[in-house]
Amino acid sequence: MFAVNKNRRKKVTKAAAAHRDSLKKSLEHRLELARANGNETLVRKLEAEADYLRLD
């Protein structure tokens, strides 16, 4: 039973890390586009989102 819980915990941890990586990659791409388009308002909002999610 403990092995099952340990394996499940590893899978959940791995999935959570993959989700965070996906969020970070998406946010970085959105920031890149906002900067390229000179949209400073959106850049500030995305930077605030990164701070909130602690992705920086």
PDB file of N, CA and C in Angstrom:
ATOM      1  N   MET A   1       0.818  -1.194   0.000  1.00  0.00           N
ATOM      2  CA  MET A   1       0.000   0.000   0.000  1.00  0.00           C
ATOM      3  C   MET A   1       0.862   1.258   0.000  1.00  0.00           C
ATOM      4  N   PHE A   2       1.945   1.246   0.753  1.00  0.00           N
ATOM      5  CA  PHE A   2       2.807   2.428   0.790  1.00  0.00           C
ATOM      6  C   PHE A   2       3.470   2.675  -0.555  1.00  0.00           C
ATOM      7  N   ALA A   3       3.808   1.604  -1.265  1.00  0.00           N
ATOM      8  CA  ALA A   3       4.426   1.747  -2.581  1.00  0.00           C
ATOM      9  C   ALA A   3       3.457   2.399  -3.558  1.00  0.00           C
ATOM     10  N   VAL A   4       2.187   2.049  -3.459  1.00  0.00           N
ATOM     11  CA  VAL A   4       1.170   2.643  -4.333  1.00  0.00           C
ATOM     12  C   VAL A   4       1.073   4.140  -4.065  1.00  0.00           C
ATOM     13  N   ASN A   5       1.014   4.524  -2.797  1.00  0.00           N
ATOM     14  CA  ASN A   5       0.940   5.944  -2.450  1.00  0.00           C
ATOM     15  C   ASN A   5       2.183   6.688  -2.912  1.00  0.00           C
ATOM     16  N   LYS A   6       3.336   6.068  -2.770  1.00  0.00           N
ATOM     17  CA  LYS A   6       4.590   6.701  -3.179  1.00  0.00           C
ATOM     18  C   LYS A   6       4.612   6.901  -4.690  1.00  0.00           C
ATOM     19  N   ASN A   7       4.184   5.879  -5.436  1.00  0.00           N
ATOM     20  CA  ASN A   7       4.141   5.993  -6.895  1.00  0.00           C
ATOM     21  C   ASN A   7       3.144   7.055  -7.336  1.00  0.00           C
ATOM     22  N   ARG A   8       1.999   7.087  -6.696  1.00  0.00           N
ATOM     23  CA  ARG A   8       0.989   8.094  -7.037  1.00  0.00           C
ATOM     24  C   ARG A   8       1.512   9.495  -6.745  1.00  0.00           C
ATOM     25  N   ARG A   9       2.159   9.655  -5.604  1.00  0.00           N
ATOM     26  CA  ARG A   9       2.713  10.961  -5.238  1.00  0.00           C
ATOM     27  C   ARG A   9       3.751  11.404  -6.263  1.00  0.00           C
ATOM     28  N   LYS A  10       4.588  10.474  -6.729  1.00  0.00           N
ATOM     29  CA  LYS A  10       5.592  10.806  -7.744  1.00  0.00           C
ATOM     30  C   LYS A  10       4.922  11.261  -9.036  1.00  0.00           C
ATOM     31  N   LYS A  11       3.859  10.558  -9.433  1.00  0.00           N
ATOM     32  CA  LYS A  11       3.147  10.923 -10.661  1.00  0.00           C
ATOM     33  C   LYS A  11       2.490  12.290 -10.532  1.00  0.00           C
ATOM     34  N   VAL A  12       1.892  12.548  -9.387  1.00  0.00           N
ATOM     35  CA  VAL A  12       1.242  13.840  -9.160  1.00  0.00           C
ATOM     36  C   VAL A  12       2.281  14.957  -9.162  1.00  0.00           C
ATOM     37  N   THR A  13       3.403  14.727  -8.511  1.00  0.00           N
ATOM     38  CA  THR A  13       4.477  15.720  -8.476  1.00  0.00           C
ATOM     39  C   THR A  13       5.011  15.985  -9.877  1.00  0.00           C
ATOM     40  N   LYS A  14       5.187  14.927 -10.651  1.00  0.00           N
ATOM     41  CA  LYS A  14       5.688  15.066 -12.023  1.00  0.00           C
ATOM     42  C   LYS A  14       4.681  15.827 -12.887  1.00  0.00           C
ATOM     43  N   ALA A  15       3.401  15.522 -12.733  1.00  0.00           N
ATOM     44  CA  ALA A  15       2.363  16.218 -13.494  1.00  0.00           C
ATOM     45  C   ALA A  15       2.308  17.696 -13.110  1.00  0.00           C
ATOM     46  N   ALA A  16       2.433  17.990 -11.832  1.00  0.00           N
ATOM     47  CA  ALA A  16       2.409  19.384 -11.371  1.00  0.00           C
ATOM     48  C   ALA A  16       3.594  20.158 -11.940  1.00  0.00           C
ATOM     49  N   ALA A  17       4.757  19.528 -11.978  1.00  0.00           N
ATOM     50  CA  ALA A  17       5.948  20.178 -12.536  1.00  0.00           C
ATOM     51  C   ALA A  17       5.764  20.430 -14.030  1.00  0.00           C
ATOM     52  N   ALA A  18       5.192  19.465 -14.730  1.00  0.00           N
ATOM     53  CA  ALA A  18       4.949  19.624 -16.166  1.00  0.00           C
ATOM     54  C   ALA A  18       3.954  20.757 -16.406  1.00  0.00           C
ATOM     55  N   HIS A  19       2.951  20.857 -15.559  1.00  0.00           N
ATOM     56  CA  HIS A  19       1.957  21.923 -15.689  1.00  0.00           C
ATOM     57  C   HIS A  19       2.602  23.286 -15.469  1.00  0.00           C
ATOM     58  N   ARG A  20       3.428  23.400 -14.447  1.00  0.00           N
ATOM     59  CA  ARG A  20       4.141  24.664 -14.187  1.00  0.00           C
ATOM     60  C   ARG A  20       5.046  25.036 -15.353  1.00  0.00           C
ATOM     61  N   ASP A  21       5.750  24.057 -15.894  1.00  0.00           N
ATOM     62  CA  ASP A  21       6.622  24.316 -17.043  1.00  0.00           C
ATOM     63  C   ASP A  21       5.811  24.819 -18.233  1.00  0.00           C
ATOM     64  N   SER A  22       4.654  24.220 -18.440  1.00  0.00           N
ATOM     65  CA  SER A  22       3.778  24.639 -19.531  1.00  0.00           C
ATOM     66  C   SER A  22       3.277  26.065 -19.316  1.00  0.00           C
ATOM     67  N   LEU A  23       2.864  26.372 -18.091  1.00  0.00           N
ATOM     68  CA  LEU A  23       2.421  27.734 -17.774  1.00  0.00           C
ATOM     69  C   LEU A  23       3.535  28.744 -18.016  1.00  0.00           C
ATOM     70  N   LYS A  24       4.734  28.402 -17.567  1.00  0.00           N
ATOM     71  CA  LYS A  24       5.874  29.307 -17.714  1.00  0.00           C
ATOM     72  C   LYS A  24       6.204  29.538 -19.184  1.00  0.00           C
ATOM     73  N   LYS A  25       6.226  28.470 -19.962  1.00  0.00           N
ATOM     74  CA  LYS A  25       6.540  28.585 -21.386  1.00  0.00           C
ATOM     75  C   LYS A  25       5.497  29.445 -22.100  1.00  0.00           C
ATOM     76  N   SER A  26       4.234  29.223 -21.786  1.00  0.00           N
ATOM     77  CA  SER A  26       3.158  29.998 -22.392  1.00  0.00           C
ATOM     78  C   SER A  26       3.265  31.473 -22.012  1.00  0.00           C
ATOM     79  N   LEU A  27       3.504  31.735 -20.747  1.00  0.00           N
ATOM     80  CA  LEU A  27       3.619  33.113 -20.276  1.00  0.00           C
ATOM     81  C   LEU A  27       4.822  33.809 -20.907  1.00  0.00           C
ATOM     82  N   GLU A  28       5.941  33.117 -21.012  1.00  0.00           N
ATOM     83  CA  GLU A  28       7.127  33.703 -21.645  1.00  0.00           C
ATOM     84  C   GLU A  28       6.845  34.052 -23.100  1.00  0.00           C
ATOM     85  N   HIS A  29       6.121  33.182 -23.792  1.00  0.00           N
ATOM     86  CA  HIS A  29       5.779  33.441 -25.194  1.00  0.00           C
ATOM     87  C   HIS A  29       4.852  34.653 -25.300  1.00  0.00           C
ATOM     88  N   ARG A  30       3.855  34.716 -24.432  1.00  0.00           N
ATOM     89  CA  ARG A  30       2.936  35.850 -24.442  1.00  0.00           C
ATOM     90  C   ARG A  30       3.671  37.153 -24.137  1.00  0.00           C
ATOM     91  N   LEU A  31       4.622  37.110 -23.200  1.00  0.00           N
ATOM     92  CA  LEU A  31       5.425  38.301 -22.887  1.00  0.00           C
ATOM     93  C   LEU A  31       6.260  38.729 -24.088  1.00  0.00           C
ATOM     94  N   GLU A  32       6.853  37.753 -24.749  1.00  0.00           N
ATOM     95  CA  GLU A  32       7.670  38.043 -25.930  1.00  0.00           C
ATOM     96  C   GLU A  32       6.837  38.747 -27.002  1.00  0.00           C
ATOM     97  N   LEU A  33       5.638  38.250 -27.239  1.00  0.00           N
ATOM     98  CA  LEU A  33       4.765  38.865 -28.239  1.00  0.00           C
ATOM     99  C   LEU A  33       4.318  40.260 -27.814  1.00  0.00           C
ATOM    100  N   ALA A  34       3.973  40.423 -26.548  1.00  0.00           N
ATOM    101  CA  ALA A  34       3.540  41.733 -26.056  1.00  0.00           C
ATOM    102  C   ALA A  34       4.668  42.754 -26.189  1.00  0.00           C
ATOM    103  N   ARG A  35       5.879  42.340 -25.860  1.00  0.00           N
ATOM    104  CA  ARG A  35       7.035  43.249 -25.989  1.00  0.00           C
ATOM    105  C   ARG A  35       7.298  43.581 -27.455  1.00  0.00           C
ATOM    106  N   ALA A  36       7.215  42.573 -28.316  1.00  0.00           N
ATOM    107  CA  ALA A  36       7.457  42.789 -29.747  1.00  0.00           C
ATOM    108  C   ALA A  36       6.435  43.752 -30.341  1.00  0.00           C
ATOM    109  N   ASN A  37       5.221  43.723 -29.813  1.00  0.00           N
ATOM    110  CA  ASN A  37       4.163  44.601 -30.309  1.00  0.00           C
ATOM    111  C   ASN A  37       4.121  45.937 -29.580  1.00  0.00           C
ATOM    112  N   GLY A  38       5.018  46.127 -28.615  1.00  0.00           N
ATOM    113  CA  GLY A  38       5.071  47.385 -27.881  1.00  0.00           C
ATOM    114  C   GLY A  38       3.878  47.607 -26.964  1.00  0.00           C
ATOM    115  N   ASN A  39       3.236  46.538 -26.542  1.00  0.00           N
ATOM    116  CA  ASN A  39       2.059  46.641 -25.683  1.00  0.00           C
ATOM    117  C   ASN A  39       2.492  46.610 -24.215  1.00  0.00           C
ATOM    118  N   GLU A  40       2.877  47.778 -23.711  1.00  0.00           N
ATOM    119  CA  GLU A  40       3.406  47.871 -22.351  1.00  0.00           C
ATOM    120  C   GLU A  40       2.365  47.539 -21.283  1.00  0.00           C
ATOM    121  N   THR A  41       1.112  47.857 -21.556  1.00  0.00           N
ATOM    122  CA  THR A  41       0.054  47.527 -20.594  1.00  0.00           C
ATOM    123  C   THR A  41      -0.035  46.020 -20.410  1.00  0.00           C
ATOM    124  N   LEU A  42      -0.033  45.295 -21.515  1.00  0.00           N
ATOM    125  CA  LEU A  42      -0.094  43.835 -21.448  1.00  0.00           C
ATOM    126  C   LEU A  42       1.175  43.265 -20.820  1.00  0.00           C
ATOM    127  N   VAL A  43       2.327  43.858 -21.130  1.00  0.00           N
ATOM    128  CA  VAL A  43       3.589  43.401 -20.530  1.00  0.00           C
ATOM    129  C   VAL A  43       3.499  43.493 -19.012  1.00  0.00           C
ATOM    130  N   ARG A  44       3.013  44.621 -18.505  1.00  0.00           N
ATOM    131  CA  ARG A  44       2.887  44.791 -17.049  1.00  0.00           C
ATOM    132  C   ARG A  44       1.919  43.773 -16.449  1.00  0.00           C
ATOM    133  N   LYS A  45       0.813  43.525 -17.131  1.00  0.00           N
ATOM    134  CA  LYS A  45      -0.163  42.545 -16.635  1.00  0.00           C
ATOM    135  C   LYS A  45       0.432  41.139 -16.620  1.00  0.00           C
ATOM    136  N   LEU A  46       1.161  40.793 -17.661  1.00  0.00           N
ATOM    137  CA  LEU A  46       1.772  39.464 -17.727  1.00  0.00           C
ATOM    138  C   LEU A  46       2.880  39.316 -16.689  1.00  0.00           C
ATOM    139  N   GLU A  47       3.632  40.389 -16.460  1.00  0.00           N
ATOM    140  CA  GLU A  47       4.656  40.344 -15.415  1.00  0.00           C
ATOM    141  C   GLU A  47       4.008  40.175 -14.038  1.00  0.00           C
ATOM    142  N   ALA A  48       2.868  40.828 -13.831  1.00  0.00           N
ATOM    143  CA  ALA A  48       2.135  40.670 -12.570  1.00  0.00           C
ATOM    144  C   ALA A  48       1.627  39.234 -12.438  1.00  0.00           C
ATOM    145  N   GLU A  49       1.184  38.660 -13.542  1.00  0.00           N
ATOM    146  CA  GLU A  49       0.730  37.263 -13.529  1.00  0.00           C
ATOM    147  C   GLU A  49       1.887  36.332 -13.162  1.00  0.00           C
ATOM    148  N   ALA A  50       3.060  36.595 -13.722  1.00  0.00           N
ATOM    149  CA  ALA A  50       4.241  35.779 -13.413  1.00  0.00           C
ATOM    150  C   ALA A  50       4.594  35.896 -11.930  1.00  0.00           C
ATOM    151  N   ASP A  51       4.506  37.109 -11.392  1.00  0.00           N
ATOM    152  CA  ASP A  51       4.771  37.303  -9.960  1.00  0.00           C
ATOM    153  C   ASP A  51       3.759  36.530  -9.118  1.00  0.00           C
ATOM    154  N   TYR A  52       2.490  36.622  -9.509  1.00  0.00           N
ATOM    155  CA  TYR A  52       1.432  35.933  -8.766  1.00  0.00           C
ATOM    156  C   TYR A  52       1.651  34.418  -8.773  1.00  0.00           C
ATOM    157  N   LEU A  53       2.034  33.900  -9.929  1.00  0.00           N
ATOM    158  CA  LEU A  53       2.268  32.459 -10.067  1.00  0.00           C
ATOM    159  C   LEU A  53       3.672  32.060  -9.633  1.00  0.00           C
ATOM    160  N   ARG A  54       4.479  33.063  -9.312  1.00  0.00           N
ATOM    161  CA  ARG A  54       5.881  32.847  -8.915  1.00  0.00           C
ATOM    162  C   ARG A  54       6.631  32.039  -9.969  1.00  0.00           C
ATOM    163  N   LEU A  55       6.495  32.490 -11.220  1.00  0.00           N
ATOM    164  CA  LEU A  55       7.135  31.794 -12.334  1.00  0.00           C
ATOM    165  C   LEU A  55       8.438  32.450 -12.764  1.00  0.00           C
ATOM    166  N   ASP A  56       8.775  33.582 -12.194  1.00  0.00           N
ATOM    167  CA  ASP A  56       9.988  34.285 -12.638  1.00  0.00           C
ATOM    168  C   ASP A  56      11.228  33.781 -11.984  1.00  0.00           C
TER     169      ASP A  56
END
